[in-house]
PDB file of N, CA and C in Angstrom:
ATOM      1  N   MET A   1       2.604 -42.320  28.520  1.00  0.00           N
ATOM      2  CA  MET A   1       2.416 -42.462  27.095  1.00  0.00           C
ATOM      3  C   MET A   1       3.803 -42.583  26.465  1.00  0.00           C
ATOM      4  N   SER A   2       3.948 -43.554  25.604  1.00  0.00           N
ATOM      5  CA  SER A   2       5.240 -43.760  24.957  1.00  0.00           C
ATOM      6  C   SER A   2       5.405 -42.803  23.771  1.00  0.00           C
ATOM      7  N   PHE A   3       6.622 -42.752  23.278  1.00  0.00           N
ATOM      8  CA  PHE A   3       6.958 -41.891  22.145  1.00  0.00           C
ATOM      9  C   PHE A   3       6.126 -42.263  20.920  1.00  0.00           C
ATOM     10  N   TYR A   4       5.990 -43.538  20.648  1.00  0.00           N
ATOM     11  CA  TYR A   4       5.248 -43.994  19.468  1.00  0.00           C
ATOM     12  C   TYR A   4       3.751 -43.730  19.602  1.00  0.00           C
ATOM     13  N   SER A   5       3.248 -43.823  20.806  1.00  0.00           N
ATOM     14  CA  SER A   5       1.836 -43.499  21.024  1.00  0.00           C
ATOM     15  C   SER A   5       1.576 -42.019  20.739  1.00  0.00           C
ATOM     16  N   ALA A   6       2.510 -41.173  21.138  1.00  0.00           N
ATOM     17  CA  ALA A   6       2.371 -39.741  20.884  1.00  0.00           C
ATOM     18  C   ALA A   6       2.379 -39.460  19.382  1.00  0.00           C
ATOM     19  N   ILE A   7       3.243 -40.144  18.640  1.00  0.00           N
ATOM     20  CA  ILE A   7       3.303 -39.957  17.188  1.00  0.00           C
ATOM     21  C   ILE A   7       1.995 -40.386  16.540  1.00  0.00           C
ATOM     22  N   VAL A   8       1.463 -41.527  16.959  1.00  0.00           N
ATOM     23  CA  VAL A   8       0.192 -42.012  16.415  1.00  0.00           C
ATOM     24  C   VAL A   8      -0.922 -41.025  16.733  1.00  0.00           C
ATOM     25  N   LEU A   9      -0.929 -40.485  17.945  1.00  0.00           N
ATOM     26  CA  LEU A   9      -1.948 -39.521  18.332  1.00  0.00           C
ATOM     27  C   LEU A   9      -1.858 -38.254  17.477  1.00  0.00           C
ATOM     28  N   ILE A  10      -0.649 -37.771  17.235  1.00  0.00           N
ATOM     29  CA  ILE A  10      -0.460 -36.578  16.408  1.00  0.00           C
ATOM     30  C   ILE A  10      -0.947 -36.834  14.984  1.00  0.00           C
ATOM     31  N   VAL A  11      -0.622 -37.992  14.433  1.00  0.00           N
ATOM     32  CA  VAL A  11      -1.063 -38.332  13.077  1.00  0.00           C
ATOM     33  C   VAL A  11      -2.583 -38.380  13.011  1.00  0.00           C
ATOM     34  N   LEU A  12      -3.215 -38.972  14.007  1.00  0.00           N
ATOM     35  CA  LEU A  12      -4.677 -39.042  14.029  1.00  0.00           C
ATOM     36  C   LEU A  12      -5.299 -37.646  14.106  1.00  0.00           C
ATOM     37  N   ILE A  13      -4.702 -36.768  14.890  1.00  0.00           N
ATOM     38  CA  ILE A  13      -5.223 -35.403  14.998  1.00  0.00           C
ATOM     39  C   ILE A  13      -5.114 -34.684  13.656  1.00  0.00           C
ATOM     40  N   VAL A  14      -3.982 -34.842  12.982  1.00  0.00           N
ATOM     41  CA  VAL A  14      -3.789 -34.196  11.685  1.00  0.00           C
ATOM     42  C   VAL A  14      -4.783 -34.728  10.658  1.00  0.00           C
ATOM     43  N   VAL A  15      -4.991 -36.025  10.637  1.00  0.00           N
ATOM     44  CA  VAL A  15      -5.944 -36.625   9.697  1.00  0.00           C
ATOM     45  C   VAL A  15      -7.360 -36.143  10.001  1.00  0.00           C
ATOM     46  N   ALA A  16      -7.726 -36.103  11.281  1.00  0.00           N
ATOM     47  CA  ALA A  16      -9.063 -35.645  11.661  1.00  0.00           C
ATOM     48  C   ALA A  16      -9.260 -34.181  11.267  1.00  0.00           C
ATOM     49  N   ALA A  17      -8.240 -33.371  11.452  1.00  0.00           N
ATOM     50  CA  ALA A  17      -8.338 -31.963  11.062  1.00  0.00           C
ATOM     51  C   ALA A  17      -8.510 -31.835   9.554  1.00  0.00           C
ATOM     52  N   GLY A  18      -7.813 -32.665   8.792  1.00  0.00           N
ATOM     53  CA  GLY A  18      -7.954 -32.640   7.337  1.00  0.00           C
ATOM     54  C   GLY A  18      -9.357 -33.017   6.892  1.00  0.00           C
ATOM     55  N   VAL A  19      -9.917 -34.026   7.524  1.00  0.00           N
ATOM     56  CA  VAL A  19     -11.284 -34.444   7.200  1.00  0.00           C
ATOM     57  C   VAL A  19     -12.261 -33.328   7.549  1.00  0.00           C
ATOM     58  N   PHE A  20     -12.065 -32.722   8.698  1.00  0.00           N
ATOM     59  CA  PHE A  20     -12.950 -31.629   9.114  1.00  0.00           C
ATOM     60  C   PHE A  20     -12.873 -30.459   8.140  1.00  0.00           C
ATOM     61  N   ARG A  21     -11.670 -30.100   7.714  1.00  0.00           N
ATOM     62  CA  ARG A  21     -11.500 -28.994   6.769  1.00  0.00           C
ATOM     63  C   ARG A  21     -12.144 -29.312   5.421  1.00  0.00           C
ATOM     64  N   SER A  22     -12.039 -30.556   4.989  1.00  0.00           N
ATOM     65  CA  SER A  22     -12.607 -30.913   3.686  1.00  0.00           C
ATOM     66  C   SER A  22     -14.130 -30.865   3.700  1.00  0.00           C
ATOM     67  N   ARG A  23     -14.710 -31.035   4.870  1.00  0.00           N
ATOM     68  CA  ARG A  23     -16.167 -30.998   4.968  1.00  0.00           C
ATOM     69  C   ARG A  23     -16.701 -29.628   5.357  1.00  0.00           C
ATOM     70  N   SER A  24     -15.834 -28.695   5.665  1.00  0.00           N
ATOM     71  CA  SER A  24     -16.292 -27.362   6.064  1.00  0.00           C
ATOM     72  C   SER A  24     -16.742 -26.577   4.836  1.00  0.00           C
ATOM     73  N   GLY A  25     -17.487 -25.521   5.052  1.00  0.00           N
ATOM     74  CA  GLY A  25     -18.069 -24.753   3.958  1.00  0.00           C
ATOM     75  C   GLY A  25     -17.071 -24.001   3.109  1.00  0.00           C
ATOM     76  N   LYS A  26     -16.019 -23.463   3.705  1.00  0.00           N
ATOM     77  CA  LYS A  26     -15.073 -22.647   2.951  1.00  0.00           C
ATOM     78  C   LYS A  26     -14.389 -23.462   1.869  1.00  0.00           C
ATOM     79  N   ASN A  27     -13.913 -24.603   2.192  1.00  0.00           N
ATOM     80  CA  ASN A  27     -13.231 -25.426   1.193  1.00  0.00           C
ATOM     81  C   ASN A  27     -14.200 -25.897   0.120  1.00  0.00           C
ATOM     82  N   ASN A  28     -15.432 -26.174   0.496  1.00  0.00           N
ATOM     83  CA  ASN A  28     -16.412 -26.623  -0.496  1.00  0.00           C
ATOM     84  C   ASN A  28     -16.735 -25.516  -1.486  1.00  0.00           C
ATOM     85  N   GLU A  29     -16.809 -24.257  -1.006  1.00  0.00           N
ATOM     86  CA  GLU A  29     -17.068 -23.148  -1.921  1.00  0.00           C
ATOM     87  C   GLU A  29     -15.950 -23.026  -2.938  1.00  0.00           C
ATOM     88  N   ILE A  30     -14.726 -23.124  -2.473  1.00  0.00           N
ATOM     89  CA  ILE A  30     -13.582 -23.044  -3.378  1.00  0.00           C
ATOM     90  C   ILE A  30     -13.615 -24.200  -4.364  1.00  0.00           C
ATOM     91  N   ARG A  31     -13.922 -25.365  -3.893  1.00  0.00           N
ATOM     92  CA  ARG A  31     -13.971 -26.533  -4.757  1.00  0.00           C
ATOM     93  C   ARG A  31     -15.061 -26.375  -5.808  1.00  0.00           C
ATOM     94  N   HIS A  32     -16.218 -25.792  -5.424  1.00  0.00           N
ATOM     95  CA  HIS A  32     -17.301 -25.612  -6.390  1.00  0.00           C
ATOM     96  C   HIS A  32     -16.909 -24.634  -7.490  1.00  0.00           C
ATOM     97  N   VAL A  33     -16.145 -23.609  -7.157  1.00  0.00           N
ATOM     98  CA  VAL A  33     -15.692 -22.661  -8.174  1.00  0.00           C
ATOM     99  C   VAL A  33     -14.837 -23.387  -9.197  1.00  0.00           C
ATOM    100  N   HIS A  34     -13.960 -24.268  -8.737  1.00  0.00           N
ATOM    101  CA  HIS A  34     -13.079 -24.978  -9.654  1.00  0.00           C
ATOM    102  C   HIS A  34     -13.796 -26.112 -10.382  1.00  0.00           C
ATOM    103  N   ASP A  35     -14.907 -26.586  -9.823  1.00  0.00           N
ATOM    104  CA  ASP A  35     -15.652 -27.656 -10.476  1.00  0.00           C
ATOM    105  C   ASP A  35     -16.534 -27.131 -11.607  1.00  0.00           C
ATOM    106  N   ASP A  36     -16.897 -25.858 -11.569  1.00  0.00           N
ATOM    107  CA  ASP A  36     -17.777 -25.283 -12.581  1.00  0.00           C
ATOM    108  C   ASP A  36     -16.957 -24.908 -13.818  1.00  0.00           C
ATOM    109  N   PRO A  37     -17.117 -25.632 -14.912  1.00  0.00           N
ATOM    110  CA  PRO A  37     -16.310 -25.367 -16.107  1.00  0.00           C
ATOM    111  C   PRO A  37     -16.518 -23.970 -16.680  1.00  0.00           C
ATOM    112  N   GLN A  38     -17.721 -23.416 -16.555  1.00  0.00           N
ATOM    113  CA  GLN A  38     -17.979 -22.082 -17.096  1.00  0.00           C
ATOM    114  C   GLN A  38     -17.181 -21.027 -16.353  1.00  0.00           C
ATOM    115  N   GLN A  39     -17.112 -21.144 -15.025  1.00  0.00           N
ATOM    116  CA  GLN A  39     -16.357 -20.163 -14.249  1.00  0.00           C
ATOM    117  C   GLN A  39     -14.871 -20.295 -14.517  1.00  0.00           C
ATOM    118  N   VAL A  40     -14.397 -21.520 -14.629  1.00  0.00           N
ATOM    119  CA  VAL A  40     -12.980 -21.739 -14.902  1.00  0.00           C
ATOM    120  C   VAL A  40     -12.623 -21.185 -16.272  1.00  0.00           C
ATOM    121  N   SER A  41     -13.457 -21.468 -17.275  1.00  0.00           N
ATOM    122  CA  SER A  41     -13.166 -20.966 -18.620  1.00  0.00           C
ATOM    123  C   SER A  41     -13.294 -19.450 -18.674  1.00  0.00           C
ATOM    124  N   SER A  42     -14.214 -18.880 -17.903  1.00  0.00           N
ATOM    125  CA  SER A  42     -14.368 -17.431 -17.863  1.00  0.00           C
ATOM    126  C   SER A  42     -13.129 -16.772 -17.260  1.00  0.00           C
ATOM    127  N   LEU A  43     -12.607 -17.343 -16.185  1.00  0.00           N
ATOM    128  CA  LEU A  43     -11.391 -16.809 -15.573  1.00  0.00           C
ATOM    129  C   LEU A  43     -10.218 -16.919 -16.532  1.00  0.00           C
ATOM    130  N   ARG A  44     -10.112 -18.048 -17.194  1.00  0.00           N
ATOM    131  CA  ARG A  44      -9.016 -18.258 -18.147  1.00  0.00           C
ATOM    132  C   ARG A  44      -9.138 -17.285 -19.320  1.00  0.00           C
ATOM    133  N   GLU A  45     -10.371 -17.047 -19.750  1.00  0.00           N
ATOM    134  CA  GLU A  45     -10.616 -16.119 -20.851  1.00  0.00           C
ATOM    135  C   GLU A  45     -10.160 -14.708 -20.483  1.00  0.00           C
ATOM    136  N   LYS A  46     -10.448 -14.278 -19.265  1.00  0.00           N
ATOM    137  CA  LYS A  46     -10.033 -12.950 -18.816  1.00  0.00           C
ATOM    138  C   LYS A  46      -8.513 -12.853 -18.752  1.00  0.00           C
ATOM    139  N   GLU A  47      -7.863 -13.905 -18.276  1.00  0.00           N
ATOM    140  CA  GLU A  47      -6.402 -13.918 -18.227  1.00  0.00           C
ATOM    141  C   GLU A  47      -5.820 -13.791 -19.632  1.00  0.00           C
ATOM    142  N   LEU A  48      -6.396 -14.530 -20.565  1.00  0.00           N
ATOM    143  CA  LEU A  48      -5.905 -14.481 -21.941  1.00  0.00           C
ATOM    144  C   LEU A  48      -6.148 -13.116 -22.579  1.00  0.00           C
ATOM    145  N   GLU A  49      -7.298 -12.503 -22.297  1.00  0.00           N
ATOM    146  CA  GLU A  49      -7.576 -11.174 -22.832  1.00  0.00           C
ATOM    147  C   GLU A  49      -6.562 -10.158 -22.311  1.00  0.00           C
ATOM    148  N   ASN A  50      -6.233 -10.244 -21.025  1.00  0.00           N
ATOM    149  CA  ASN A  50      -5.233  -9.336 -20.458  1.00  0.00           C
ATOM    150  C   ASN A  50      -3.869  -9.554 -21.100  1.00  0.00           C
ATOM    151  N   GLU A  51      -3.523 -10.807 -21.321  1.00  0.00           N
ATOM    152  CA  GLU A  51      -2.235 -11.114 -21.943  1.00  0.00           C
ATOM    153  C   GLU A  51      -2.185 -10.598 -23.384  1.00  0.00           C
ATOM    154  N   VAL A  52      -3.270 -10.764 -24.121  1.00  0.00           N
ATOM    155  CA  VAL A  52      -3.320 -10.280 -25.505  1.00  0.00           C
ATOM    156  C   VAL A  52      -3.188  -8.759 -25.529  1.00  0.00           C
ATOM    157  N   GLU A  53      -3.861  -8.077 -24.624  1.00  0.00           N
ATOM    158  CA  GLU A  53      -3.765  -6.613 -24.571  1.00  0.00           C
ATOM    159  C   GLU A  53      -2.337  -6.173 -24.265  1.00  0.00           C
ATOM    160  N   SER A  54      -1.689  -6.861 -23.350  1.00  0.00           N
ATOM    161  CA  SER A  54      -0.293  -6.553 -23.026  1.00  0.00           C
ATOM    162  C   SER A  54       0.609  -6.768 -24.235  1.00  0.00           C
ATOM    163  N   LEU A  55       0.387  -7.845 -24.952  1.00  0.00           N
ATOM    164  CA  LEU A  55       1.193  -8.127 -26.141  1.00  0.00           C
ATOM    165  C   LEU A  55       0.941  -7.101 -27.242  1.00  0.00           C
ATOM    166  N   ARG A  56      -0.285  -6.637 -27.378  1.00  0.00           N
ATOM    167  CA  ARG A  56      -0.589  -5.601 -28.370  1.00  0.00           C
ATOM    168  C   ARG A  56       0.182  -4.317 -28.068  1.00  0.00           C
ATOM    169  N   GLU A  57       0.240  -3.953 -26.795  1.00  0.00           N
ATOM    170  CA  GLU A  57       0.996  -2.758 -26.414  1.00  0.00           C
ATOM    171  C   GLU A  57       2.474  -2.925 -26.755  1.00  0.00           C
ATOM    172  N   ARG A  58       3.014  -4.091 -26.504  1.00  0.00           N
ATOM    173  CA  ARG A  58       4.417  -4.348 -26.828  1.00  0.00           C
ATOM    174  C   ARG A  58       4.662  -4.260 -28.330  1.00  0.00           C
ATOM    175  N   VAL A  59       3.743  -4.810 -29.104  1.00  0.00           N
ATOM    176  CA  VAL A  59       3.893  -4.767 -30.566  1.00  0.00           C
ATOM    177  C   VAL A  59       3.856  -3.321 -31.055  1.00  0.00           C
ATOM    178  N   LYS A  60       2.972  -2.501 -30.482  1.00  0.00           N
ATOM    179  CA  LYS A  60       2.912  -1.089 -30.869  1.00  0.00           C
ATOM    180  C   LYS A  60       4.251  -0.403 -30.624  1.00  0.00           C
ATOM    181  N   VAL A  61       4.835  -0.669 -29.466  1.00  0.00           N
ATOM    182  CA  VAL A  61       6.128  -0.057 -29.148  1.00  0.00           C
ATOM    183  C   VAL A  61       7.194  -0.541 -30.116  1.00  0.00           C
ATOM    184  N   LEU A  62       7.216  -1.839 -30.388  1.00  0.00           N
ATOM    185  CA  LEU A  62       8.219  -2.377 -31.312  1.00  0.00           C
ATOM    186  C   LEU A  62       8.029  -1.839 -32.725  1.00  0.00           C
ATOM    187  N   GLU A  63       6.787  -1.682 -33.168  1.00  0.00           N
ATOM    188  CA  GLU A  63       6.535  -1.112 -34.492  1.00  0.00           C
ATOM    189  C   GLU A  63       7.025   0.330 -34.558  1.00  0.00           C
ATOM    190  N   ARG A  64       6.782   1.066 -33.491  1.00  0.00           N
ATOM    191  CA  ARG A  64       7.239   2.453 -33.471  1.00  0.00           C
ATOM    192  C   ARG A  64       8.764   2.525 -33.511  1.00  0.00           C
ATOM    193  N   ILE A  65       9.424   1.651 -32.775  1.00  0.00           N
ATOM    194  CA  ILE A  65      10.887   1.620 -32.784  1.00  0.00           C
ATOM    195  C   ILE A  65      11.396   1.254 -34.170  1.00  0.00           C
ATOM    196  N   ALA A  66      10.743   0.301 -34.817  1.00  0.00           N
ATOM    197  CA  ALA A  66      11.208  -0.168 -36.126  1.00  0.00           C
ATOM    198  C   ALA A  66      10.998   0.870 -37.224  1.00  0.00           C
ATOM    199  N   THR A  67       9.978   1.710 -37.108  1.00  0.00           N
ATOM    200  CA  THR A  67       9.674   2.655 -38.184  1.00  0.00           C
ATOM    201  C   THR A  67      10.203   4.059 -37.937  1.00  0.00           C
ATOM    202  N   ASP A  68      10.566   4.402 -36.717  1.00  0.00           N
ATOM    203  CA  ASP A  68      11.093   5.739 -36.421  1.00  0.00           C
ATOM    204  C   ASP A  68      12.539   5.868 -36.876  1.00  0.00           C
ATOM    205  N   PRO A  69      12.939   7.090 -37.183  1.00  0.00           N
ATOM    206  CA  PRO A  69      14.359   7.307 -37.505  1.00  0.00           C
ATOM    207  C   PRO A  69      15.237   6.928 -36.306  1.00  0.00           C
ATOM    208  N   SER A  70      16.417   6.447 -36.582  1.00  0.00           N
ATOM    209  CA  SER A  70      17.280   5.929 -35.519  1.00  0.00           C
ATOM    210  C   SER A  70      17.692   7.008 -34.516  1.00  0.00           C
ATOM    211  N   ARG A  71      17.895   8.237 -34.963  1.00  0.00           N
ATOM    212  CA  ARG A  71      18.309   9.295 -34.048  1.00  0.00           C
ATOM    213  C   ARG A  71      17.223   9.567 -33.007  1.00  0.00           C
ATOM    214  N   ARG A  72      15.996   9.640 -33.469  1.00  0.00           N
ATOM    215  CA  ARG A  72      14.874   9.901 -32.560  1.00  0.00           C
ATOM    216  C   ARG A  72      14.711   8.760 -31.561  1.00  0.00           C
ATOM    217  N   THR A  73      14.828   7.538 -32.034  1.00  0.00           N
ATOM    218  CA  THR A  73      14.713   6.370 -31.159  1.00  0.00           C
ATOM    219  C   THR A  73      15.824   6.374 -30.120  1.00  0.00           C
ATOM    220  N   ALA A  74      17.033   6.674 -30.542  1.00  0.00           N
ATOM    221  CA  ALA A  74      18.163   6.717 -29.611  1.00  0.00           C
ATOM    222  C   ALA A  74      17.936   7.777 -28.540  1.00  0.00           C
ATOM    223  N   GLU A  75      17.391   8.931 -28.916  1.00  0.00           N
ATOM    224  CA  GLU A  75      17.108   9.985 -27.945  1.00  0.00           C
ATOM    225  C   GLU A  75      16.062   9.536 -26.927  1.00  0.00           C
ATOM    226  N   GLU A  76      15.021   8.867 -27.398  1.00  0.00           N
ATOM    227  CA  GLU A  76      13.985   8.386 -26.484  1.00  0.00           C
ATOM    228  C   GLU A  76      14.533   7.332 -25.531  1.00  0.00           C
ATOM    229  N   ILE A  77      15.391   6.455 -26.024  1.00  0.00           N
ATOM    230  CA  ILE A  77      15.993   5.431 -25.165  1.00  0.00           C
ATOM    231  C   ILE A  77      16.855   6.093 -24.097  1.00  0.00           C
ATOM    232  N   GLU A  78      17.606   7.102 -24.478  1.00  0.00           N
ATOM    233  CA  GLU A  78      18.445   7.819 -23.509  1.00  0.00           C
ATOM    234  C   GLU A  78      17.589   8.524 -22.460  1.00  0.00           C
ATOM    235  N   LYS A  79      16.463   9.096 -22.881  1.00  0.00           N
ATOM    236  CA  LYS A  79      15.555   9.730 -21.922  1.00  0.00           C
ATOM    237  C   LYS A  79      15.036   8.708 -20.916  1.00  0.00           C
ATOM    238  N   LEU A  80      14.700   7.523 -21.403  1.00  0.00           N
ATOM    239  CA  LEU A  80      14.204   6.476 -20.511  1.00  0.00           C
ATOM    240  C   LEU A  80      15.284   6.018 -19.545  1.00  0.00           C
ATOM    241  N   ARG A  81      16.521   5.976 -20.005  1.00  0.00           N
ATOM    242  CA  ARG A  81      17.623   5.580 -19.124  1.00  0.00           C
ATOM    243  C   ARG A  81      17.833   6.601 -18.017  1.00  0.00           C
ATOM    244  N   ASP A  82      17.651   7.874 -18.344  1.00  0.00           N
ATOM    245  CA  ASP A  82      17.854   8.935 -17.359  1.00  0.00           C
ATOM    246  C   ASP A  82      16.787   8.921 -16.270  1.00  0.00           C
ATOM    247  N   GLU A  83      15.617   8.434 -16.584  1.00  0.00           N
ATOM    248  CA  GLU A  83      14.526   8.413 -15.597  1.00  0.00           C
ATOM    249  C   GLU A  83      14.753   7.380 -14.599  1.00  0.00           C
TER     250      GLU A  83
END
């Protein structure tokens, strides 16, 4: 077998494996999840809700820093640095 024949054989094996994987059940299940717009939007909605909750916590901390006396805030920052 020549070098080029071996390369062609390897390419054919890789292509055949790709076709087999695309027709197998596992890949189809994953593809169906991404094809269903309701599931995709539901996942995106959960991600956005988590992000909004995280941002709310940050805003609370920033509001507390902005409204607290500077001495108290400085003490809390120093405590956090020590930890």
